[in-house]
Amino acid sequence: MFGEIMWFIIGLVIGLVIGFFVSRHLMQKYLKQNPPINEKMIEAMMSGMGRKPSKKQVNQVMQQMNKYM
C-alpha cells in the first residue's frame, strides 16, 4: 500500500518536471518564430508619440526587447 502511493507520487513529480521543460521549450520556440513585437510596431508606437524614429533607435529598442525574452 505505502509502496504504491510512493510510486504514484514519484511518477507524478517526474511527469510534472518533464511537462514543465517540454512546455517551456515549445513556448520559447513559438516566441522565436512569432515574436510578439516587431520593428514596424515600434516605429508606429514612436510615431504615435510624435517623433520620427531613426533606424538606430528602433534597433536599440529591439535589442532591449530581445534581451529580456
C-alpha atoms as a PDB file:
ATOM      1  CA  MET A   1       0.000   0.000   0.000  1.00  0.00           C
ATOM      2  CA  PHE A   2       2.681   2.506   1.047  1.00  0.00           C
ATOM      3  CA  GLY A   3       4.922   1.491  -1.858  1.00  0.00           C
ATOM      4  CA  GLU A   4       2.140   2.057  -4.381  1.00  0.00           C
ATOM      5  CA  ILE A   5       1.488   5.551  -3.056  1.00  0.00           C
ATOM      6  CA  MET A   6       5.199   6.388  -3.207  1.00  0.00           C
ATOM      7  CA  TRP A   7       5.452   5.175  -6.820  1.00  0.00           C
ATOM      8  CA  PHE A   8       2.411   7.278  -7.695  1.00  0.00           C
ATOM      9  CA  ILE A   9       3.955  10.401  -6.107  1.00  0.00           C
ATOM     10  CA  ILE A  10       7.332   9.789  -7.776  1.00  0.00           C
ATOM     11  CA  GLY A  11       5.645   9.308 -11.159  1.00  0.00           C
ATOM     12  CA  LEU A  12       3.593  12.454 -10.664  1.00  0.00           C
ATOM     13  CA  VAL A  13       6.670  14.537  -9.804  1.00  0.00           C
ATOM     14  CA  ILE A  14       8.636  13.181 -12.767  1.00  0.00           C
ATOM     15  CA  GLY A  15       5.695  13.864 -15.099  1.00  0.00           C
ATOM     16  CA  LEU A  16       5.375  17.434 -13.835  1.00  0.00           C
ATOM     17  CA  VAL A  17       9.085  18.114 -14.294  1.00  0.00           C
ATOM     18  CA  ILE A  18       9.136  16.669 -17.818  1.00  0.00           C
ATOM     19  CA  GLY A  19       5.941  18.530 -18.719  1.00  0.00           C
ATOM     20  CA  PHE A  20       7.397  21.813 -17.458  1.00  0.00           C
ATOM     21  CA  PHE A  21      10.556  21.538 -19.552  1.00  0.00           C
ATOM     22  CA  VAL A  22       8.717  20.381 -22.695  1.00  0.00           C
ATOM     23  CA  SER A  23       6.185  23.209 -22.482  1.00  0.00           C
ATOM     24  CA  ARG A  24       8.970  25.730 -21.776  1.00  0.00           C
ATOM     25  CA  HIS A  25      10.887  24.569 -24.852  1.00  0.00           C
ATOM     26  CA  LEU A  26       7.789  24.722 -27.062  1.00  0.00           C
ATOM     27  CA  MET A  27       6.905  28.221 -25.830  1.00  0.00           C
ATOM     28  CA  GLN A  28      10.419  29.534 -26.493  1.00  0.00           C
ATOM     29  CA  LYS A  29      10.337  28.012 -29.983  1.00  0.00           C
ATOM     30  CA  TYR A  30       6.952  29.632 -30.664  1.00  0.00           C
ATOM     31  CA  LEU A  31       8.131  33.060 -29.487  1.00  0.00           C
ATOM     32  CA  LYS A  32      11.244  32.877 -31.693  1.00  0.00           C
ATOM     33  CA  GLN A  33       9.112  32.054 -34.737  1.00  0.00           C
ATOM     34  CA  ASN A  34       6.363  34.582 -33.881  1.00  0.00           C
ATOM     35  CA  PRO A  35       7.856  37.481 -31.947  1.00  0.00           C
ATOM     36  CA  PRO A  36       5.255  39.486 -30.020  1.00  0.00           C
ATOM     37  CA  ILE A  37       6.596  42.818 -31.306  1.00  0.00           C
ATOM     38  CA  ASN A  38       8.498  43.778 -34.437  1.00  0.00           C
ATOM     39  CA  GLU A  39      10.218  46.838 -35.900  1.00  0.00           C
ATOM     40  CA  LYS A  40       7.081  48.109 -37.638  1.00  0.00           C
ATOM     41  CA  MET A  41       5.194  48.108 -34.338  1.00  0.00           C
ATOM     42  CA  ILE A  42       7.993  50.044 -32.618  1.00  0.00           C
ATOM     43  CA  GLU A  43       8.079  52.608 -35.422  1.00  0.00           C
ATOM     44  CA  ALA A  44       4.301  53.033 -35.220  1.00  0.00           C
ATOM     45  CA  MET A  45       4.454  53.433 -31.439  1.00  0.00           C
ATOM     46  CA  MET A  46       7.197  56.065 -31.618  1.00  0.00           C
ATOM     47  CA  SER A  47       5.438  57.885 -34.445  1.00  0.00           C
ATOM     48  CA  GLY A  48       2.269  57.893 -32.353  1.00  0.00           C
ATOM     49  CA  MET A  49       4.190  59.688 -29.617  1.00  0.00           C
ATOM     50  CA  GLY A  50       5.039  62.445 -32.077  1.00  0.00           C
ATOM     51  CA  ARG A  51       8.584  61.602 -33.065  1.00  0.00           C
ATOM     52  CA  LYS A  52      10.106  60.099 -36.159  1.00  0.00           C
ATOM     53  CA  PRO A  53      12.390  57.263 -35.015  1.00  0.00           C
ATOM     54  CA  SER A  54      15.714  56.627 -36.682  1.00  0.00           C
ATOM     55  CA  LYS A  55      16.792  53.112 -37.612  1.00  0.00           C
ATOM     56  CA  LYS A  56      19.349  53.225 -34.779  1.00  0.00           C
ATOM     57  CA  GLN A  57      16.661  53.997 -32.192  1.00  0.00           C
ATOM     58  CA  VAL A  58      14.449  51.184 -33.479  1.00  0.00           C
ATOM     59  CA  ASN A  59      17.369  48.740 -33.326  1.00  0.00           C
ATOM     60  CA  GLN A  60      18.168  49.802 -29.755  1.00  0.00           C
ATOM     61  CA  VAL A  61      14.583  49.168 -28.674  1.00  0.00           C
ATOM     62  CA  MET A  62      14.570  45.777 -30.440  1.00  0.00           C
ATOM     63  CA  GLN A  63      17.808  44.798 -28.684  1.00  0.00           C
ATOM     64  CA  GLN A  64      16.308  45.726 -25.323  1.00  0.00           C
ATOM     65  CA  MET A  65      13.177  43.691 -26.088  1.00  0.00           C
ATOM     66  CA  ASN A  66      15.212  40.655 -27.179  1.00  0.00           C
ATOM     67  CA  LYS A  67      17.453  40.930 -24.122  1.00  0.00           C
ATOM     68  CA  TYR A  68      14.540  40.204 -21.794  1.00  0.00           C
ATOM     69  CA  MET A  69      12.892  37.461 -23.874  1.00  0.00           C
END
